[in-house]
Amino acid sequence: MMEKVLPFEEFRDRYERWFTENKFAYWSELEAVSSLLPSGNGLEVGVGTGRFAKPLGVEYGIDPSRKMLEIARNLGIRVVQAVGENIPFKSSIFDYCLMVTTICFLNDINKTLQEVSRVLKNNGSVIIGFINKNSELGRYYQQNKDKSPFYRVANFLSVDEVIRFLENNGFGNFSFKQTIFKPYWEMKAVDKVKDGYGEGSFVVVKATKI
């Protein structure tokens, strides 16, 4: 576990700088996630510095990185240092759980989705945002993994793989959004958000606890 947490502890400022230097990609991702986010009481698993939880109004967050949580806590998010495989909340209390670029850093995706299901109310939703490994940007990240302290320890997934993980852990009723249709460093404006997947590099899937 520490291998995947250490880059976020050591390079927190570099992580934060990416969002300011690539604001159009960040804002595009926010738009895509927002388009599928339900109302109610929410938890972000892998909340990081709160870059998504804060603007999206997600009240609670967990993350294994203490240094990342310092920023999220200062933003007013109610955070706990914890991992997705062991969520320190009671069962059936959240309307939705959010994970943005978290799934590729999990040690045990099945265990995390089981925990997410446990803390969700009946018919609660999980919303997962991620870089599709079969997209242009996904292929770029995989080819250049060793150049990034973050993606060196990431395991990228395809949309079909994410769907399979969700179905195997009792989720269904899928909805999809996609954005980022060119390399993020070439973006000069916020990208459109489209239904489905297969074109955009950043995909958001929403699934319901069955």
N, C-alpha and C. Protein backbone atom coordinates (compact mmCIF):
# COMPACT_ATOMS: atom_id res chain seq x y z
N MET A 1 0.82 -1.21 0.00
CA MET A 1 0.00 0.00 0.00
C MET A 1 0.86 1.26 0.00
N MET A 2 1.91 1.27 0.83
CA MET A 2 2.72 2.48 0.94
C MET A 2 3.34 2.88 -0.38
N GLU A 3 3.66 1.90 -1.23
CA GLU A 3 4.26 2.21 -2.53
C GLU A 3 3.36 3.14 -3.34
N LYS A 4 2.03 2.94 -3.24
CA LYS A 4 1.09 3.74 -4.01
C LYS A 4 0.75 5.06 -3.33
N VAL A 5 0.99 5.15 -2.03
CA VAL A 5 0.68 6.37 -1.29
C VAL A 5 1.85 7.35 -1.32
N LEU A 6 3.07 6.82 -1.29
CA LEU A 6 4.26 7.66 -1.16
C LEU A 6 4.35 8.78 -2.20
N PRO A 7 4.06 8.53 -3.49
CA PRO A 7 4.16 9.63 -4.44
C PRO A 7 3.26 10.82 -4.09
N PHE A 8 2.09 10.53 -3.53
CA PHE A 8 1.17 11.60 -3.18
C PHE A 8 1.61 12.34 -1.92
N GLU A 9 2.37 11.65 -1.07
CA GLU A 9 2.96 12.30 0.10
C GLU A 9 4.14 13.19 -0.32
N GLU A 10 4.98 12.65 -1.19
CA GLU A 10 6.22 13.34 -1.55
C GLU A 10 6.02 14.43 -2.60
N PHE A 11 5.04 14.26 -3.48
CA PHE A 11 4.88 15.19 -4.60
C PHE A 11 3.51 15.86 -4.58
N ARG A 12 3.02 16.16 -3.39
CA ARG A 12 1.70 16.79 -3.28
C ARG A 12 1.62 18.09 -4.06
N ASP A 13 2.64 18.92 -3.97
CA ASP A 13 2.61 20.21 -4.65
C ASP A 13 2.62 20.04 -6.17
N ARG A 14 3.34 19.04 -6.64
CA ARG A 14 3.34 18.74 -8.08
C ARG A 14 1.96 18.28 -8.53
N TYR A 15 1.33 17.47 -7.70
CA TYR A 15 -0.04 17.03 -7.97
C TYR A 15 -0.97 18.23 -8.10
N GLU A 16 -0.91 19.13 -7.15
CA GLU A 16 -1.77 20.32 -7.14
C GLU A 16 -1.50 21.20 -8.35
N ARG A 17 -0.23 21.31 -8.71
CA ARG A 17 0.15 22.20 -9.82
C ARG A 17 -0.44 21.72 -11.14
N TRP A 18 -0.63 20.41 -11.28
CA TRP A 18 -1.19 19.88 -12.53
C TRP A 18 -2.57 20.50 -12.78
N PHE A 19 -3.36 20.66 -11.76
CA PHE A 19 -4.72 21.17 -11.92
C PHE A 19 -4.74 22.63 -12.35
N THR A 20 -3.80 23.40 -11.88
CA THR A 20 -3.75 24.81 -12.27
C THR A 20 -3.12 24.97 -13.66
N GLU A 21 -2.14 24.14 -13.97
CA GLU A 21 -1.49 24.24 -15.28
C GLU A 21 -2.34 23.63 -16.40
N ASN A 22 -3.26 22.75 -16.05
CA ASN A 22 -4.12 22.08 -17.04
C ASN A 22 -5.59 22.28 -16.67
N LYS A 23 -5.94 23.56 -16.47
CA LYS A 23 -7.27 23.89 -15.93
C LYS A 23 -8.40 23.45 -16.86
N PHE A 24 -8.18 23.47 -18.17
CA PHE A 24 -9.27 23.10 -19.07
C PHE A 24 -9.58 21.61 -18.99
N ALA A 25 -8.54 20.81 -18.83
CA ALA A 25 -8.77 19.37 -18.63
C ALA A 25 -9.48 19.13 -17.30
N TYR A 26 -9.01 19.80 -16.27
CA TYR A 26 -9.63 19.67 -14.94
C TYR A 26 -11.09 20.09 -14.97
N TRP A 27 -11.37 21.24 -15.56
CA TRP A 27 -12.75 21.72 -15.62
C TRP A 27 -13.63 20.80 -16.46
N SER A 28 -13.06 20.20 -17.51
CA SER A 28 -13.81 19.26 -18.33
C SER A 28 -14.18 18.02 -17.52
N GLU A 29 -13.21 17.53 -16.74
CA GLU A 29 -13.48 16.37 -15.89
C GLU A 29 -14.55 16.70 -14.85
N LEU A 30 -14.46 17.89 -14.27
CA LEU A 30 -15.47 18.31 -13.29
C LEU A 30 -16.86 18.32 -13.91
N GLU A 31 -16.96 18.86 -15.13
CA GLU A 31 -18.26 18.91 -15.82
C GLU A 31 -18.81 17.51 -16.05
N ALA A 32 -17.94 16.60 -16.46
CA ALA A 32 -18.40 15.23 -16.75
C ALA A 32 -18.88 14.53 -15.48
N VAL A 33 -18.12 14.68 -14.40
CA VAL A 33 -18.53 14.06 -13.13
C VAL A 33 -19.82 14.69 -12.63
N SER A 34 -19.89 16.00 -12.69
CA SER A 34 -21.08 16.72 -12.21
C SER A 34 -22.34 16.28 -12.93
N SER A 35 -22.21 15.95 -14.21
CA SER A 35 -23.38 15.58 -15.01
C SER A 35 -24.02 14.27 -14.57
N LEU A 36 -23.30 13.46 -13.82
CA LEU A 36 -23.85 12.18 -13.34
C LEU A 36 -23.98 12.12 -11.82
N LEU A 37 -23.60 13.19 -11.13
CA LEU A 37 -23.60 13.16 -9.67
C LEU A 37 -25.01 13.39 -9.11
N PRO A 38 -25.52 12.47 -8.30
CA PRO A 38 -26.85 12.66 -7.72
C PRO A 38 -26.79 13.62 -6.53
N SER A 39 -27.93 13.95 -6.02
CA SER A 39 -27.98 14.76 -4.80
C SER A 39 -27.93 13.84 -3.58
N GLY A 40 -27.80 14.43 -2.41
CA GLY A 40 -27.81 13.64 -1.19
C GLY A 40 -26.49 13.66 -0.47
N ASN A 41 -26.35 12.72 0.45
CA ASN A 41 -25.19 12.60 1.33
C ASN A 41 -24.11 11.78 0.63
N GLY A 42 -22.94 12.40 0.36
CA GLY A 42 -21.94 11.72 -0.45
C GLY A 42 -20.59 11.54 0.23
N LEU A 43 -19.87 10.52 -0.22
CA LEU A 43 -18.51 10.21 0.24
C LEU A 43 -17.62 10.09 -0.99
N GLU A 44 -16.44 10.75 -0.94
CA GLU A 44 -15.46 10.50 -2.00
C GLU A 44 -14.35 9.60 -1.47
N VAL A 45 -14.16 8.48 -2.14
CA VAL A 45 -13.10 7.53 -1.82
C VAL A 45 -11.88 7.93 -2.66
N GLY A 46 -10.78 8.27 -1.99
CA GLY A 46 -9.63 8.82 -2.68
C GLY A 46 -9.82 10.31 -2.92
N VAL A 47 -10.22 11.02 -1.87
CA VAL A 47 -10.58 12.43 -1.98
C VAL A 47 -9.38 13.32 -2.29
N GLY A 48 -8.17 12.85 -1.96
CA GLY A 48 -6.99 13.66 -2.25
C GLY A 48 -7.02 15.01 -1.57
N THR A 49 -6.76 16.05 -2.34
CA THR A 49 -6.77 17.42 -1.81
C THR A 49 -8.14 18.08 -1.93
N GLY A 50 -9.15 17.31 -2.33
CA GLY A 50 -10.50 17.86 -2.41
C GLY A 50 -10.81 18.57 -3.71
N ARG A 51 -10.00 18.33 -4.75
CA ARG A 51 -10.18 19.01 -6.03
C ARG A 51 -11.54 18.73 -6.68
N PHE A 52 -12.13 17.60 -6.36
CA PHE A 52 -13.47 17.29 -6.89
C PHE A 52 -14.53 17.43 -5.81
N ALA A 53 -14.24 16.95 -4.62
CA ALA A 53 -15.24 16.99 -3.55
C ALA A 53 -15.70 18.41 -3.25
N LYS A 54 -14.78 19.35 -3.16
CA LYS A 54 -15.14 20.71 -2.78
C LYS A 54 -16.08 21.36 -3.79
N PRO A 55 -15.72 21.47 -5.08
CA PRO A 55 -16.64 22.14 -6.02
C PRO A 55 -17.93 21.36 -6.26
N LEU A 56 -17.90 20.04 -6.04
CA LEU A 56 -19.09 19.23 -6.28
C LEU A 56 -19.97 19.09 -5.05
N GLY A 57 -19.53 19.63 -3.91
CA GLY A 57 -20.35 19.60 -2.71
C GLY A 57 -20.39 18.25 -2.02
N VAL A 58 -19.33 17.45 -2.16
CA VAL A 58 -19.25 16.16 -1.47
C VAL A 58 -18.74 16.42 -0.06
N GLU A 59 -19.52 16.04 0.93
CA GLU A 59 -19.22 16.44 2.31
C GLU A 59 -18.13 15.61 2.96
N TYR A 60 -18.06 14.31 2.64
CA TYR A 60 -17.12 13.41 3.33
C TYR A 60 -16.08 12.88 2.35
N GLY A 61 -14.89 12.56 2.89
CA GLY A 61 -13.85 11.99 2.05
C GLY A 61 -12.88 11.14 2.84
N ILE A 62 -12.34 10.11 2.19
CA ILE A 62 -11.25 9.32 2.78
C ILE A 62 -10.09 9.27 1.80
N ASP A 63 -8.89 9.13 2.33
CA ASP A 63 -7.69 9.01 1.51
C ASP A 63 -6.58 8.49 2.41
N PRO A 64 -5.66 7.68 1.87
CA PRO A 64 -4.56 7.20 2.70
C PRO A 64 -3.43 8.21 2.90
N SER A 65 -3.42 9.30 2.10
CA SER A 65 -2.34 10.27 2.18
C SER A 65 -2.64 11.38 3.18
N ARG A 66 -1.88 11.42 4.25
CA ARG A 66 -2.09 12.45 5.27
C ARG A 66 -1.85 13.85 4.72
N LYS A 67 -0.83 14.01 3.89
CA LYS A 67 -0.51 15.35 3.38
C LYS A 67 -1.57 15.86 2.42
N MET A 68 -2.14 14.97 1.63
CA MET A 68 -3.23 15.38 0.74
C MET A 68 -4.44 15.80 1.56
N LEU A 69 -4.71 15.05 2.63
CA LEU A 69 -5.89 15.34 3.45
C LEU A 69 -5.77 16.68 4.19
N GLU A 70 -4.56 17.13 4.44
CA GLU A 70 -4.39 18.43 5.09
C GLU A 70 -5.07 19.53 4.29
N ILE A 71 -4.91 19.48 2.97
CA ILE A 71 -5.53 20.50 2.10
C ILE A 71 -7.04 20.32 2.07
N ALA A 72 -7.50 19.07 1.91
CA ALA A 72 -8.95 18.80 1.86
C ALA A 72 -9.64 19.24 3.15
N ARG A 73 -8.99 18.97 4.29
CA ARG A 73 -9.57 19.37 5.58
C ARG A 73 -9.69 20.89 5.68
N ASN A 74 -8.68 21.59 5.19
CA ASN A 74 -8.71 23.06 5.22
C ASN A 74 -9.79 23.63 4.32
N LEU A 75 -10.27 22.84 3.36
CA LEU A 75 -11.36 23.27 2.49
C LEU A 75 -12.73 23.02 3.12
N GLY A 76 -12.74 22.36 4.28
CA GLY A 76 -13.99 22.11 4.98
C GLY A 76 -14.60 20.75 4.74
N ILE A 77 -13.88 19.89 4.03
CA ILE A 77 -14.37 18.53 3.80
C ILE A 77 -14.11 17.70 5.06
N ARG A 78 -15.06 16.88 5.43
CA ARG A 78 -14.94 16.05 6.63
C ARG A 78 -14.20 14.78 6.24
N VAL A 79 -12.90 14.73 6.56
CA VAL A 79 -12.04 13.68 6.02
C VAL A 79 -11.54 12.73 7.11
N VAL A 80 -11.23 11.51 6.68
CA VAL A 80 -10.64 10.48 7.54
C VAL A 80 -9.51 9.83 6.74
N GLN A 81 -8.38 9.60 7.39
CA GLN A 81 -7.29 8.89 6.74
C GLN A 81 -7.62 7.40 6.72
N ALA A 82 -7.86 6.86 5.55
CA ALA A 82 -8.29 5.47 5.42
C ALA A 82 -8.16 5.04 3.97
N VAL A 83 -8.29 3.73 3.74
CA VAL A 83 -8.23 3.18 2.38
C VAL A 83 -9.61 2.68 1.97
N GLY A 84 -9.80 2.57 0.67
CA GLY A 84 -11.09 2.12 0.14
C GLY A 84 -11.44 0.70 0.53
N GLU A 85 -10.43 -0.10 0.79
CA GLU A 85 -10.68 -1.50 1.17
C GLU A 85 -11.21 -1.63 2.60
N ASN A 86 -11.18 -0.55 3.36
CA ASN A 86 -11.66 -0.57 4.75
C ASN A 86 -12.24 0.81 5.08
N ILE A 87 -13.45 1.07 4.64
CA ILE A 87 -14.07 2.39 4.80
C ILE A 87 -14.62 2.53 6.22
N PRO A 88 -14.16 3.52 6.98
CA PRO A 88 -14.51 3.63 8.41
C PRO A 88 -15.83 4.35 8.66
N PHE A 89 -16.89 3.89 7.99
CA PHE A 89 -18.22 4.45 8.19
C PHE A 89 -19.23 3.31 8.36
N LYS A 90 -20.35 3.63 9.01
CA LYS A 90 -21.40 2.64 9.22
C LYS A 90 -22.03 2.24 7.89
N SER A 91 -22.73 1.14 7.90
CA SER A 91 -23.39 0.63 6.70
C SER A 91 -24.62 1.46 6.34
N SER A 92 -24.89 1.54 5.06
CA SER A 92 -26.15 2.10 4.51
C SER A 92 -26.40 3.55 4.94
N ILE A 93 -25.36 4.39 4.83
CA ILE A 93 -25.56 5.80 5.26
C ILE A 93 -25.35 6.81 4.14
N PHE A 94 -24.78 6.42 3.01
CA PHE A 94 -24.52 7.38 1.93
C PHE A 94 -25.46 7.16 0.75
N ASP A 95 -25.84 8.27 0.12
CA ASP A 95 -26.64 8.21 -1.10
C ASP A 95 -25.77 7.89 -2.31
N TYR A 96 -24.52 8.33 -2.25
CA TYR A 96 -23.61 8.03 -3.36
C TYR A 96 -22.16 8.02 -2.87
N CYS A 97 -21.32 7.30 -3.60
CA CYS A 97 -19.88 7.32 -3.39
C CYS A 97 -19.21 7.70 -4.70
N LEU A 98 -18.25 8.58 -4.61
CA LEU A 98 -17.51 9.08 -5.77
C LEU A 98 -16.07 8.59 -5.72
N MET A 99 -15.54 8.20 -6.89
CA MET A 99 -14.12 7.90 -7.02
C MET A 99 -13.64 8.50 -8.33
N VAL A 100 -12.67 9.41 -8.26
CA VAL A 100 -12.13 10.04 -9.47
C VAL A 100 -10.65 9.73 -9.57
N THR A 101 -10.25 9.08 -10.65
CA THR A 101 -8.87 8.61 -10.88
C THR A 101 -8.31 7.87 -9.66
N THR A 102 -9.19 7.20 -8.95
CA THR A 102 -8.80 6.42 -7.76
C THR A 102 -8.69 4.94 -8.08
N ILE A 103 -9.55 4.46 -8.98
CA ILE A 103 -9.65 3.02 -9.19
C ILE A 103 -8.34 2.42 -9.67
N CYS A 104 -7.52 3.20 -10.39
CA CYS A 104 -6.26 2.65 -10.92
C CYS A 104 -5.16 2.57 -9.85
N PHE A 105 -5.44 3.10 -8.65
CA PHE A 105 -4.46 3.04 -7.56
C PHE A 105 -4.86 2.09 -6.44
N LEU A 106 -6.00 1.44 -6.57
CA LEU A 106 -6.47 0.54 -5.51
C LEU A 106 -5.68 -0.75 -5.49
N ASN A 107 -5.43 -1.26 -4.30
CA ASN A 107 -4.80 -2.57 -4.19
C ASN A 107 -5.79 -3.70 -4.46
N ASP A 108 -7.05 -3.50 -4.06
CA ASP A 108 -8.06 -4.55 -4.22
C ASP A 108 -9.36 -3.90 -4.64
N ILE A 109 -9.63 -3.91 -5.94
CA ILE A 109 -10.82 -3.24 -6.46
C ILE A 109 -12.10 -3.91 -5.96
N ASN A 110 -12.11 -5.25 -5.95
CA ASN A 110 -13.31 -5.95 -5.49
C ASN A 110 -13.64 -5.62 -4.04
N LYS A 111 -12.62 -5.64 -3.18
CA LYS A 111 -12.85 -5.35 -1.76
C LYS A 111 -13.35 -3.92 -1.59
N THR A 112 -12.79 -2.99 -2.36
CA THR A 112 -13.23 -1.60 -2.27
C THR A 112 -14.67 -1.45 -2.71
N LEU A 113 -15.06 -2.09 -3.80
CA LEU A 113 -16.45 -1.98 -4.26
C LEU A 113 -17.41 -2.66 -3.30
N GLN A 114 -16.95 -3.72 -2.63
CA GLN A 114 -17.78 -4.34 -1.59
C GLN A 114 -18.00 -3.37 -0.43
N GLU A 115 -16.96 -2.66 -0.06
CA GLU A 115 -17.07 -1.66 1.01
C GLU A 115 -17.95 -0.50 0.58
N VAL A 116 -17.79 -0.06 -0.66
CA VAL A 116 -18.65 1.01 -1.18
C VAL A 116 -20.11 0.58 -1.13
N SER A 117 -20.39 -0.64 -1.57
CA SER A 117 -21.75 -1.16 -1.54
C SER A 117 -22.29 -1.19 -0.10
N ARG A 118 -21.44 -1.57 0.83
CA ARG A 118 -21.86 -1.67 2.24
C ARG A 118 -22.30 -0.31 2.79
N VAL A 119 -21.54 0.75 2.49
CA VAL A 119 -21.86 2.06 3.07
C VAL A 119 -22.95 2.80 2.30
N LEU A 120 -23.32 2.29 1.12
CA LEU A 120 -24.39 2.91 0.34
C LEU A 120 -25.77 2.45 0.82
N LYS A 121 -26.72 3.36 0.75
CA LYS A 121 -28.12 2.98 0.98
C LYS A 121 -28.61 2.12 -0.18
N ASN A 122 -29.74 1.46 0.00
CA ASN A 122 -30.35 0.73 -1.10
C ASN A 122 -30.62 1.69 -2.25
N ASN A 123 -30.29 1.28 -3.46
CA ASN A 123 -30.42 2.10 -4.67
C ASN A 123 -29.45 3.29 -4.67
N GLY A 124 -28.45 3.24 -3.79
CA GLY A 124 -27.41 4.27 -3.83
C GLY A 124 -26.53 4.08 -5.06
N SER A 125 -25.74 5.11 -5.38
CA SER A 125 -24.96 5.09 -6.61
C SER A 125 -23.47 5.19 -6.33
N VAL A 126 -22.69 4.56 -7.20
CA VAL A 126 -21.25 4.79 -7.24
C VAL A 126 -20.95 5.49 -8.56
N ILE A 127 -20.11 6.51 -8.50
CA ILE A 127 -19.71 7.27 -9.68
C ILE A 127 -18.20 7.19 -9.79
N ILE A 128 -17.71 6.64 -10.88
CA ILE A 128 -16.28 6.41 -11.06
C ILE A 128 -15.79 7.18 -12.28
N GLY A 129 -14.84 8.08 -12.07
CA GLY A 129 -14.20 8.78 -13.18
C GLY A 129 -12.78 8.24 -13.36
N PHE A 130 -12.38 7.98 -14.59
CA PHE A 130 -11.06 7.37 -14.83
C PHE A 130 -10.62 7.61 -16.27
N ILE A 131 -9.32 7.44 -16.49
CA ILE A 131 -8.77 7.48 -17.84
C ILE A 131 -8.88 6.09 -18.45
N ASN A 132 -9.62 5.98 -19.54
CA ASN A 132 -9.79 4.71 -20.24
C ASN A 132 -8.45 4.28 -20.83
N LYS A 133 -7.97 3.10 -20.45
CA LYS A 133 -6.64 2.67 -20.91
C LYS A 133 -6.58 2.46 -22.42
N ASN A 134 -7.75 2.29 -23.06
CA ASN A 134 -7.78 2.10 -24.51
C ASN A 134 -7.91 3.40 -25.28
N SER A 135 -7.92 4.53 -24.58
CA SER A 135 -8.03 5.83 -25.24
C SER A 135 -6.65 6.36 -25.60
N GLU A 136 -6.63 7.45 -26.35
CA GLU A 136 -5.36 8.07 -26.74
C GLU A 136 -4.54 8.46 -25.52
N LEU A 137 -5.17 9.10 -24.55
CA LEU A 137 -4.45 9.53 -23.35
C LEU A 137 -4.06 8.33 -22.49
N GLY A 138 -4.93 7.32 -22.43
CA GLY A 138 -4.62 6.12 -21.68
C GLY A 138 -3.38 5.42 -22.22
N ARG A 139 -3.28 5.33 -23.54
CA ARG A 139 -2.10 4.71 -24.15
C ARG A 139 -0.85 5.55 -23.89
N TYR A 140 -1.00 6.87 -23.94
CA TYR A 140 0.13 7.76 -23.67
C TYR A 140 0.64 7.56 -22.25
N TYR A 141 -0.26 7.52 -21.28
CA TYR A 141 0.13 7.34 -19.88
C TYR A 141 0.85 6.00 -19.68
N GLN A 142 0.34 4.95 -20.32
CA GLN A 142 0.96 3.64 -20.15
C GLN A 142 2.36 3.58 -20.78
N GLN A 143 2.51 4.26 -21.92
CA GLN A 143 3.81 4.28 -22.58
C GLN A 143 4.84 5.12 -21.83
N ASN A 144 4.35 6.06 -21.01
CA ASN A 144 5.25 6.98 -20.30
C ASN A 144 5.15 6.84 -18.79
N LYS A 145 4.75 5.65 -18.34
CA LYS A 145 4.53 5.43 -16.91
C LYS A 145 5.74 5.80 -16.05
N ASP A 146 6.92 5.45 -16.52
CA ASP A 146 8.11 5.64 -15.70
C ASP A 146 8.50 7.10 -15.53
N LYS A 147 7.90 7.99 -16.32
CA LYS A 147 8.22 9.41 -16.22
C LYS A 147 7.40 10.12 -15.16
N SER A 148 6.40 9.46 -14.63
CA SER A 148 5.52 10.07 -13.62
C SER A 148 5.59 9.30 -12.31
N PRO A 149 5.84 9.98 -11.19
CA PRO A 149 5.85 9.27 -9.91
C PRO A 149 4.48 8.71 -9.54
N PHE A 150 3.43 9.30 -10.10
CA PHE A 150 2.07 8.85 -9.80
C PHE A 150 1.68 7.64 -10.66
N TYR A 151 1.83 7.78 -11.97
CA TYR A 151 1.35 6.73 -12.86
C TYR A 151 2.27 5.52 -12.92
N ARG A 152 3.47 5.66 -12.37
CA ARG A 152 4.38 4.52 -12.28
C ARG A 152 3.75 3.39 -11.47
N VAL A 153 2.91 3.76 -10.49
CA VAL A 153 2.31 2.75 -9.61
C VAL A 153 0.83 2.50 -9.94
N ALA A 154 0.37 3.03 -11.08
CA ALA A 154 -1.04 2.90 -11.45
C ALA A 154 -1.28 1.66 -12.31
N ASN A 155 -2.48 1.10 -12.21
CA ASN A 155 -2.93 0.01 -13.07
C ASN A 155 -4.14 0.49 -13.85
N PHE A 156 -3.93 0.86 -15.10
CA PHE A 156 -5.01 1.44 -15.90
C PHE A 156 -6.00 0.37 -16.32
N LEU A 157 -7.26 0.79 -16.45
CA LEU A 157 -8.35 -0.12 -16.77
C LEU A 157 -9.11 0.36 -18.00
N SER A 158 -9.68 -0.59 -18.72
CA SER A 158 -10.61 -0.26 -19.81
C SER A 158 -12.01 -0.09 -19.24
N VAL A 159 -12.89 0.48 -20.05
CA VAL A 159 -14.29 0.63 -19.61
C VAL A 159 -14.91 -0.74 -19.36
N ASP A 160 -14.64 -1.69 -20.23
CA ASP A 160 -15.20 -3.04 -20.06
C ASP A 160 -14.74 -3.67 -18.75
N GLU A 161 -13.49 -3.44 -18.38
CA GLU A 161 -12.99 -3.99 -17.12
C GLU A 161 -13.68 -3.36 -15.92
N VAL A 162 -13.89 -2.05 -15.97
CA VAL A 162 -14.59 -1.37 -14.87
C VAL A 162 -16.03 -1.88 -14.77
N ILE A 163 -16.70 -2.03 -15.90
CA ILE A 163 -18.07 -2.57 -15.90
C ILE A 163 -18.10 -3.95 -15.26
N ARG A 164 -17.13 -4.78 -15.61
CA ARG A 164 -17.09 -6.15 -15.08
C ARG A 164 -16.90 -6.14 -13.55
N PHE A 165 -16.00 -5.30 -13.08
CA PHE A 165 -15.81 -5.18 -11.63
C PHE A 165 -17.11 -4.75 -10.95
N LEU A 166 -17.79 -3.79 -11.52
CA LEU A 166 -19.04 -3.29 -10.92
C LEU A 166 -20.12 -4.38 -10.92
N GLU A 167 -20.30 -5.06 -12.05
CA GLU A 167 -21.31 -6.11 -12.13
C GLU A 167 -21.02 -7.24 -11.14
N ASN A 168 -19.75 -7.58 -11.00
CA ASN A 168 -19.37 -8.68 -10.09
C ASN A 168 -19.60 -8.33 -8.62
N ASN A 169 -19.79 -7.04 -8.35
CA ASN A 169 -20.00 -6.62 -6.96
C ASN A 169 -21.38 -6.00 -6.73
N GLY A 170 -22.33 -6.39 -7.58
CA GLY A 170 -23.73 -6.08 -7.32
C GLY A 170 -24.20 -4.71 -7.78
N PHE A 171 -23.54 -4.15 -8.80
CA PHE A 171 -23.98 -2.87 -9.34
C PHE A 171 -24.53 -3.04 -10.76
N GLY A 172 -25.49 -2.20 -11.11
CA GLY A 172 -26.08 -2.24 -12.45
C GLY A 172 -26.64 -0.88 -12.83
N ASN A 173 -27.51 -0.87 -13.86
CA ASN A 173 -28.14 0.37 -14.34
C ASN A 173 -27.09 1.44 -14.67
N PHE A 174 -26.25 1.14 -15.66
CA PHE A 174 -25.10 1.98 -15.97
C PHE A 174 -25.47 3.21 -16.79
N SER A 175 -24.79 4.32 -16.50
CA SER A 175 -24.82 5.52 -17.33
C SER A 175 -23.38 5.96 -17.56
N PHE A 176 -23.11 6.53 -18.74
CA PHE A 176 -21.75 6.90 -19.09
C PHE A 176 -21.68 8.32 -19.64
N LYS A 177 -20.62 9.02 -19.30
CA LYS A 177 -20.27 10.30 -19.90
C LYS A 177 -18.80 10.27 -20.25
N GLN A 178 -18.40 11.08 -21.22
CA GLN A 178 -17.00 11.12 -21.65
C GLN A 178 -16.61 12.54 -22.04
N THR A 179 -15.32 12.84 -21.86
CA THR A 179 -14.78 14.14 -22.25
C THR A 179 -13.28 13.99 -22.49
N ILE A 180 -12.62 15.07 -22.83
CA ILE A 180 -11.20 15.15 -23.20
C ILE A 180 -10.96 14.34 -24.49
N PHE A 181 -11.14 15.03 -25.60
CA PHE A 181 -11.07 14.41 -26.92
C PHE A 181 -9.77 14.70 -27.66
N LYS A 182 -8.81 15.31 -26.94
CA LYS A 182 -7.49 15.58 -27.50
C LYS A 182 -6.50 15.54 -26.35
N PRO A 183 -5.20 15.55 -26.60
CA PRO A 183 -4.24 15.60 -25.49
C PRO A 183 -4.50 16.83 -24.61
N TYR A 184 -4.51 16.62 -23.28
CA TYR A 184 -4.92 17.71 -22.38
C TYR A 184 -4.00 18.93 -22.49
N TRP A 185 -2.73 18.70 -22.87
CA TRP A 185 -1.81 19.84 -22.96
C TRP A 185 -2.06 20.70 -24.21
N GLU A 186 -2.93 20.24 -25.10
CA GLU A 186 -3.30 21.02 -26.27
C GLU A 186 -4.62 21.76 -26.09
N MET A 187 -5.28 21.55 -24.95
CA MET A 187 -6.61 22.12 -24.76
C MET A 187 -6.55 23.62 -24.53
N LYS A 188 -7.43 24.34 -25.25
CA LYS A 188 -7.50 25.80 -25.13
C LYS A 188 -8.85 26.26 -24.57
N ALA A 189 -9.70 25.29 -24.25
CA ALA A 189 -11.02 25.59 -23.69
C ALA A 189 -11.56 24.32 -23.04
N VAL A 190 -12.62 24.47 -22.26
CA VAL A 190 -13.27 23.31 -21.66
C VAL A 190 -13.88 22.46 -22.77
N ASP A 191 -13.65 21.15 -22.71
CA ASP A 191 -14.17 20.25 -23.73
C ASP A 191 -15.63 19.93 -23.47
N LYS A 192 -16.31 19.50 -24.51
CA LYS A 192 -17.71 19.11 -24.36
C LYS A 192 -17.80 17.80 -23.58
N VAL A 193 -18.97 17.56 -23.01
CA VAL A 193 -19.26 16.29 -22.34
C VAL A 193 -20.30 15.56 -23.18
N LYS A 194 -19.98 14.34 -23.57
CA LYS A 194 -20.88 13.56 -24.42
C LYS A 194 -21.34 12.29 -23.69
N ASP A 195 -22.50 11.79 -24.09
CA ASP A 195 -22.97 10.51 -23.56
C ASP A 195 -22.08 9.37 -24.08
N GLY A 196 -22.07 8.28 -23.34
CA GLY A 196 -21.39 7.07 -23.79
C GLY A 196 -19.91 7.08 -23.53
N TYR A 197 -19.20 6.22 -24.25
CA TYR A 197 -17.75 6.12 -24.12
C TYR A 197 -17.18 5.57 -25.42
N GLY A 198 -15.85 5.67 -25.57
CA GLY A 198 -15.21 5.16 -26.78
C GLY A 198 -14.51 6.24 -27.57
N GLU A 199 -14.81 7.53 -27.26
CA GLU A 199 -14.16 8.64 -27.94
C GLU A 199 -13.29 9.45 -26.97
N GLY A 200 -13.86 9.86 -25.86
CA GLY A 200 -13.14 10.67 -24.90
C GLY A 200 -12.20 9.84 -24.04
N SER A 201 -11.10 10.45 -23.62
CA SER A 201 -10.12 9.73 -22.79
C SER A 201 -10.59 9.60 -21.34
N PHE A 202 -11.35 10.60 -20.87
CA PHE A 202 -11.85 10.57 -19.49
C PHE A 202 -13.30 10.10 -19.51
N VAL A 203 -13.56 9.01 -18.79
CA VAL A 203 -14.89 8.40 -18.78
C VAL A 203 -15.44 8.43 -17.35
N VAL A 204 -16.72 8.73 -17.24
CA VAL A 204 -17.41 8.65 -15.96
C VAL A 204 -18.53 7.62 -16.09
N VAL A 205 -18.53 6.66 -15.20
CA VAL A 205 -19.60 5.67 -15.16
C VAL A 205 -20.36 5.80 -13.84
N LYS A 206 -21.66 5.80 -13.94
CA LYS A 206 -22.53 5.79 -12.75
C LYS A 206 -23.26 4.45 -12.72
N ALA A 207 -23.26 3.80 -11.57
CA ALA A 207 -23.93 2.51 -11.43
C ALA A 207 -24.70 2.49 -10.11
N THR A 208 -25.77 1.73 -10.07
CA THR A 208 -26.65 1.68 -8.90
C THR A 208 -26.46 0.38 -8.15
N LYS A 209 -26.48 0.48 -6.83
CA LYS A 209 -26.44 -0.71 -5.99
C LYS A 209 -27.76 -1.45 -6.16
N ILE A 210 -27.67 -2.69 -6.66
CA ILE A 210 -28.88 -3.48 -6.95
C ILE A 210 -29.32 -4.19 -5.66
